[in-house]
Amino acid sequence: MENSQSKSEHIVALNLSHEEEMIGSFDMLDGDSGKTYSLPIWDGGNRDNLYISPLDPKVDLHVRDVTYLSDVLGSDVYNRVQHAYDTSELDSLILHEDDLQHGKSELIENERFANWVERSENSLHSFTDKEMALYKEMQDKGYPPIYALEALKTTKDYEITLDDAEKIIKKYVDQRNEDGPRVQSKTDDQQRQQYQLLSANKDHESGTLKMKYLDRSNSGFKSRTFSYSEESGMVTEYETSMIKDRANLLSPKMTMIKEINIQEMKQESVQSIYKEKTTTHITREEGLER
């Protein structure tokens, strides 16, 4: 439900222009951000195949799919558009909630999100405080993260608790497991992920967290420890291996691998997921094949 205190009315206009393959457009004014968006209406070859290519970020962050006008408009407006198509008449009208099968908010919110994705992909990372607030609201509605906006969120001052840090480190290591190869286990001859969480110890009094992982390799086992300090905001990664000393006895050797700010670690996890997606453009011919 919309918060009437902070939100204004969305405006959606349908304009028919009959310009070659694009016969018109949905022109929108976002009442929340003040931005305008335009969504072309394409000629699918006949009056029953008029379509748009909106983005549904909850399904895919980059792929625009074909949606026929019969699934977007109410029957009265749809018939009016078909008549204008048949007669090549110019037409323009403001759409109301009952003129659209799913309402104005969903159409505009999806185009707002598509606008943010496009701007972030083109390194246009200037977003207003209002847009950042809307982004947070939309995430609460189930919209996916956008890396550029996630990075901007980390510039805001807020405390990361030990519970937050535990989730961030776990996500960071899980992503390593996803990106890395499987390892043949020496104990049961099965293919296993490289890292397996052994323990997570939080000391709220000192503000520290230690997460210990089993680090598998084809040559044996090591342990990998991620140590986080609330005071410094840094995560230190250690590798521990067993070596023989002069008396030929095994003893642990701890080596520091790297230090990383917890905010940067969070960004790396989001960026890795974000980069897995590739942008796909739907052409008119591809749309007609669907």
Protein backbone atom coordinates (compact mmCIF):
# COMPACT_ATOMS: atom_id res chain seq x y z
CA MET A 1 0.00 0.00 0.00
CA GLU A 2 1.33 3.40 -0.91
CA ASN A 3 2.27 5.96 1.71
CA SER A 4 0.13 8.95 0.81
CA GLN A 5 2.22 11.25 2.97
CA SER A 6 5.30 10.99 0.75
CA LYS A 7 3.91 9.86 -2.59
CA SER A 8 2.23 11.73 -5.44
CA GLU A 9 -0.03 10.44 -8.17
CA HIS A 10 1.57 8.65 -11.11
CA ILE A 11 0.56 9.80 -14.59
CA VAL A 12 0.49 7.39 -17.54
CA ALA A 13 -0.37 8.65 -21.03
CA LEU A 14 -0.84 6.51 -24.13
CA ASN A 15 0.22 8.32 -27.31
CA LEU A 16 -0.23 6.83 -30.78
CA SER A 17 2.06 8.26 -33.46
CA HIS A 18 2.38 5.50 -36.12
CA GLU A 19 6.13 5.95 -36.71
CA GLU A 20 7.19 2.93 -38.78
CA GLU A 21 7.56 -0.10 -36.48
CA MET A 22 6.87 1.91 -33.34
CA ILE A 23 3.22 2.89 -33.43
CA GLY A 24 3.22 4.81 -30.15
CA SER A 25 4.34 4.80 -26.55
CA PHE A 26 3.40 4.77 -22.91
CA ASP A 27 4.72 8.06 -21.51
CA MET A 28 4.93 8.06 -17.72
CA LEU A 29 5.51 10.61 -14.99
CA ASP A 30 6.77 8.96 -11.80
CA GLY A 31 4.93 10.75 -9.03
CA ASP A 32 7.45 9.54 -6.43
CA SER A 33 10.78 10.38 -8.08
CA GLY A 34 9.62 13.09 -10.49
CA LYS A 35 11.31 11.24 -13.39
CA THR A 36 9.72 10.50 -16.76
CA TYR A 37 9.92 7.23 -18.69
CA SER A 38 8.79 6.16 -22.14
CA LEU A 39 7.93 2.61 -23.17
CA PRO A 40 7.54 2.07 -26.96
CA ILE A 41 4.55 0.22 -28.43
CA TRP A 42 5.68 -2.00 -31.30
CA ASP A 43 3.83 -3.13 -34.41
CA GLY A 44 3.69 -6.91 -34.32
CA GLY A 45 2.32 -7.12 -37.86
CA ASN A 46 -1.41 -6.88 -37.15
CA ARG A 47 -3.92 -5.38 -34.71
CA ASP A 48 -3.76 -8.42 -32.40
CA ASN A 49 0.03 -8.47 -32.04
CA LEU A 50 0.76 -4.97 -30.74
CA TYR A 51 3.24 -5.30 -27.90
CA ILE A 52 5.62 -3.62 -25.48
CA SER A 53 8.89 -4.88 -23.98
CA PRO A 54 8.81 -4.00 -20.28
CA LEU A 55 11.34 -5.11 -17.70
CA ASP A 56 10.18 -7.26 -14.80
CA PRO A 57 13.14 -6.95 -12.38
CA LYS A 58 11.72 -9.57 -10.01
CA VAL A 59 12.03 -12.13 -12.82
CA ASP A 60 15.23 -10.96 -14.54
CA LEU A 61 17.21 -7.80 -13.94
CA HIS A 62 18.33 -7.37 -17.53
CA VAL A 63 16.04 -9.15 -19.97
CA ARG A 64 13.04 -7.28 -21.37
CA ASP A 65 10.30 -9.64 -22.40
CA VAL A 66 7.47 -9.28 -24.92
CA THR A 67 4.08 -8.39 -23.44
CA TYR A 68 1.06 -7.99 -25.73
CA LEU A 69 -1.21 -4.98 -25.23
CA SER A 70 -4.15 -7.32 -24.75
CA ASP A 71 -2.47 -8.35 -21.46
CA VAL A 72 -1.79 -4.76 -20.41
CA LEU A 73 -4.84 -2.66 -21.28
CA GLY A 74 -8.47 -2.93 -20.28
CA SER A 75 -10.83 -3.99 -23.07
CA ASP A 76 -12.25 -0.51 -23.83
CA VAL A 77 -8.85 1.15 -24.25
CA TYR A 78 -7.47 -1.87 -26.11
CA ASN A 79 -10.31 -1.69 -28.64
CA ARG A 80 -9.66 2.03 -29.07
CA VAL A 81 -5.99 1.36 -29.80
CA GLN A 82 -6.88 -1.37 -32.31
CA HIS A 83 -9.24 1.03 -34.09
CA ALA A 84 -6.53 3.71 -34.24
CA TYR A 85 -4.14 1.09 -35.63
CA ASP A 86 -6.58 0.07 -38.37
CA THR A 87 -7.30 3.66 -39.39
CA SER A 88 -3.81 5.12 -38.72
CA GLU A 89 -5.46 7.78 -36.59
CA LEU A 90 -3.42 9.74 -34.09
CA ASP A 91 -4.73 9.39 -30.57
CA SER A 92 -3.71 10.36 -27.06
CA LEU A 93 -5.27 9.69 -23.71
CA ILE A 94 -4.49 9.68 -20.00
CA LEU A 95 -4.86 6.21 -18.51
CA HIS A 96 -6.60 5.60 -15.19
CA GLU A 97 -6.18 2.66 -12.85
CA ASP A 98 -9.04 0.67 -14.38
CA ASP A 99 -7.64 1.22 -17.89
CA LEU A 100 -4.68 -1.01 -17.00
CA GLN A 101 -4.99 -4.63 -15.98
CA HIS A 102 -2.30 -4.35 -13.30
CA GLY A 103 -2.55 -0.67 -12.36
CA LYS A 104 -0.19 2.24 -12.86
CA SER A 105 2.14 1.60 -9.92
CA GLU A 106 3.50 -1.74 -11.18
CA LEU A 107 4.16 -0.36 -14.67
CA ILE A 108 5.95 2.73 -13.35
CA GLU A 109 7.90 0.97 -10.59
CA ASN A 110 9.29 -1.55 -13.08
CA GLU A 111 10.31 1.21 -15.50
CA ARG A 112 11.83 3.18 -12.61
CA PHE A 113 13.91 0.15 -11.71
CA ALA A 114 14.86 -0.39 -15.37
CA ASN A 115 16.02 3.24 -15.50
CA TRP A 116 18.25 2.68 -12.45
CA VAL A 117 19.73 -0.49 -13.97
CA GLU A 118 20.50 1.29 -17.26
CA ARG A 119 22.09 4.26 -15.48
CA SER A 120 24.23 2.01 -13.28
CA GLU A 121 25.41 -0.03 -16.29
CA ASN A 122 26.47 3.21 -17.99
CA SER A 123 28.39 4.37 -14.88
CA LEU A 124 25.84 7.13 -14.19
CA HIS A 125 25.92 6.70 -10.42
CA SER A 126 24.34 10.00 -9.37
CA PHE A 127 21.20 9.06 -7.46
CA THR A 128 19.18 11.44 -5.30
CA ASP A 129 18.36 10.82 -1.65
CA LYS A 130 14.74 10.37 -2.74
CA GLU A 131 15.74 7.65 -5.21
CA MET A 132 17.82 5.92 -2.54
CA ALA A 133 14.81 5.96 -0.20
CA LEU A 134 12.59 4.56 -2.99
CA TYR A 135 15.22 1.88 -3.73
CA LYS A 136 15.07 0.72 -0.10
CA GLU A 137 11.26 0.63 -0.22
CA MET A 138 11.33 -1.41 -3.44
CA GLN A 139 13.79 -3.89 -1.95
CA ASP A 140 11.31 -4.39 0.88
CA LYS A 141 8.78 -5.30 -1.85
CA GLY A 142 11.10 -8.00 -3.21
CA TYR A 143 13.02 -6.12 -5.91
CA PRO A 144 16.63 -7.40 -6.37
CA PRO A 145 19.81 -5.48 -5.46
CA ILE A 146 21.55 -3.18 -7.95
CA TYR A 147 25.30 -3.15 -7.35
CA ALA A 148 25.82 0.58 -7.92
CA LEU A 149 23.07 1.47 -5.46
CA GLU A 150 24.30 -1.11 -2.95
CA ALA A 151 27.71 0.57 -3.12
CA LEU A 152 26.12 3.96 -2.52
CA LYS A 153 24.27 2.57 0.49
CA THR A 154 27.58 1.64 2.09
CA THR A 155 28.68 5.26 2.08
CA LYS A 156 25.94 6.02 4.61
CA ASP A 157 26.94 5.81 8.25
CA TYR A 158 25.39 2.81 9.92
CA GLU A 159 26.65 0.16 12.29
CA ILE A 160 27.39 -3.38 11.17
CA THR A 161 26.71 -5.74 14.03
CA LEU A 162 28.53 -9.03 14.60
CA ASP A 163 25.43 -10.82 13.28
CA ASP A 164 25.56 -8.67 10.12
CA ALA A 165 29.29 -9.39 9.74
CA GLU A 166 28.69 -13.13 10.08
CA LYS A 167 26.15 -13.03 7.22
CA ILE A 168 28.45 -10.90 5.03
CA ILE A 169 31.47 -13.19 5.53
CA LYS A 170 29.36 -16.30 4.95
CA LYS A 171 27.99 -14.83 1.71
CA TYR A 172 31.51 -13.86 0.65
CA VAL A 173 32.84 -17.40 1.20
CA ASP A 174 29.74 -18.99 -0.35
CA GLN A 175 30.44 -16.96 -3.48
CA ARG A 176 34.01 -18.31 -3.53
CA ASN A 177 32.57 -21.81 -3.39
CA GLU A 178 30.23 -21.02 -6.28
CA ASP A 179 33.05 -19.55 -8.38
CA GLY A 180 35.68 -22.17 -7.52
CA PRO A 181 36.08 -25.81 -8.61
CA ARG A 182 34.88 -28.81 -6.64
CA VAL A 183 37.52 -30.74 -4.71
CA GLN A 184 37.85 -34.52 -4.41
CA SER A 185 37.41 -35.38 -0.74
CA LYS A 186 40.15 -37.65 0.68
CA THR A 187 37.82 -39.14 3.30
CA ASP A 188 34.79 -40.25 1.27
CA ASP A 189 35.98 -39.79 -2.35
CA GLN A 190 33.14 -37.34 -3.07
CA GLN A 191 33.23 -33.98 -4.87
CA ARG A 192 32.99 -31.28 -2.22
CA GLN A 193 33.03 -27.50 -2.05
CA GLN A 194 36.42 -26.05 -1.18
CA TYR A 195 35.31 -24.27 1.99
CA GLN A 196 33.23 -25.79 4.79
CA LEU A 197 32.24 -23.76 7.84
CA LEU A 198 33.50 -25.34 11.06
CA SER A 199 32.73 -22.71 13.68
CA ALA A 200 31.64 -19.09 14.20
CA ASN A 201 32.52 -17.51 17.52
CA LYS A 202 31.22 -14.05 18.49
CA ASP A 203 32.52 -12.09 21.46
CA HIS A 204 30.12 -9.19 21.96
CA GLU A 205 32.18 -7.79 24.83
CA SER A 206 35.27 -7.29 22.66
CA GLY A 207 33.30 -6.79 19.45
CA THR A 208 35.10 -9.55 17.55
CA LEU A 209 34.04 -12.45 15.36
CA LYS A 210 36.05 -15.47 14.21
CA MET A 211 34.77 -17.80 11.53
CA LYS A 212 36.82 -20.92 10.89
CA TYR A 213 36.53 -22.92 7.65
CA LEU A 214 37.94 -26.21 6.45
CA ASP A 215 39.91 -25.41 3.27
CA ARG A 216 40.03 -28.45 0.99
CA SER A 217 42.50 -28.91 -1.85
CA ASN A 218 43.53 -31.88 -3.97
CA SER A 219 46.72 -32.13 -1.91
CA GLY A 220 45.07 -32.12 1.53
CA PHE A 221 43.47 -29.89 4.13
CA LYS A 222 44.17 -26.52 5.67
CA SER A 223 42.05 -24.21 7.76
CA ARG A 224 40.93 -20.72 6.78
CA THR A 225 39.95 -18.16 9.44
CA PHE A 226 38.15 -14.84 8.95
CA SER A 227 38.58 -12.53 11.93
CA TYR A 228 36.41 -9.39 12.17
CA SER A 229 36.75 -6.43 14.55
CA GLU A 230 33.87 -3.99 15.05
CA GLU A 231 36.32 -1.31 16.16
CA SER A 232 38.42 -1.36 12.97
CA GLY A 233 35.71 -2.57 10.57
CA MET A 234 38.32 -4.89 9.03
CA VAL A 235 38.21 -8.60 8.24
CA THR A 236 41.56 -10.39 8.38
CA GLU A 237 41.89 -13.67 6.49
CA TYR A 238 44.34 -16.25 7.80
CA GLU A 239 45.47 -19.61 6.46
CA THR A 240 46.65 -22.27 8.90
CA SER A 241 48.63 -25.29 7.76
CA MET A 242 50.47 -27.99 9.64
CA ILE A 243 54.27 -28.13 9.18
CA LYS A 244 57.02 -30.22 10.72
CA ASP A 245 59.42 -28.48 13.08
CA ARG A 246 63.06 -29.37 13.72
CA ALA A 247 62.01 -32.20 16.01
CA ASN A 248 59.91 -33.60 13.17
CA LEU A 249 56.72 -32.78 15.06
CA LEU A 250 53.68 -31.23 13.40
CA SER A 251 52.81 -27.71 14.49
CA PRO A 252 50.41 -25.10 13.08
CA LYS A 253 51.69 -22.24 10.95
CA MET A 254 49.35 -19.25 10.55
CA THR A 255 49.79 -16.96 7.54
CA MET A 256 47.86 -13.75 6.98
CA ILE A 257 46.39 -13.72 3.48
CA LYS A 258 44.81 -10.27 3.33
CA GLU A 259 42.79 -7.63 5.13
CA ILE A 260 39.57 -6.25 3.71
CA ASN A 261 37.06 -3.71 4.96
CA ILE A 262 33.73 -5.35 5.81
CA GLN A 263 31.97 -2.85 3.55
CA GLU A 264 34.21 -3.78 0.61
CA MET A 265 33.61 -7.46 1.32
CA LYS A 266 29.86 -6.84 1.15
CA GLN A 267 30.26 -4.97 -2.14
CA GLU A 268 32.40 -7.74 -3.66
CA SER A 269 29.70 -10.30 -2.89
CA VAL A 270 26.96 -8.16 -4.47
CA GLN A 271 29.15 -7.25 -7.47
CA SER A 272 30.00 -10.90 -8.16
CA ILE A 273 26.31 -11.80 -8.27
CA TYR A 274 25.52 -8.73 -10.36
CA LYS A 275 28.20 -9.52 -12.96
CA GLU A 276 26.77 -12.98 -13.56
CA LYS A 277 23.89 -11.31 -15.39
CA THR A 278 24.24 -10.25 -19.01
CA THR A 279 22.13 -7.72 -20.82
CA THR A 280 19.87 -9.11 -23.53
CA HIS A 281 18.00 -6.89 -25.95
CA ILE A 282 14.74 -8.17 -27.42
CA THR A 283 14.44 -7.34 -31.11
CA ARG A 284 11.17 -7.07 -32.96
CA GLU A 285 11.84 -10.35 -34.78
CA GLU A 286 12.69 -12.17 -31.51
CA GLY A 287 9.53 -10.78 -29.96
CA LEU A 288 7.36 -12.12 -32.73
CA GLU A 289 8.89 -15.56 -32.37
CA ARG A 290 7.82 -15.77 -28.71
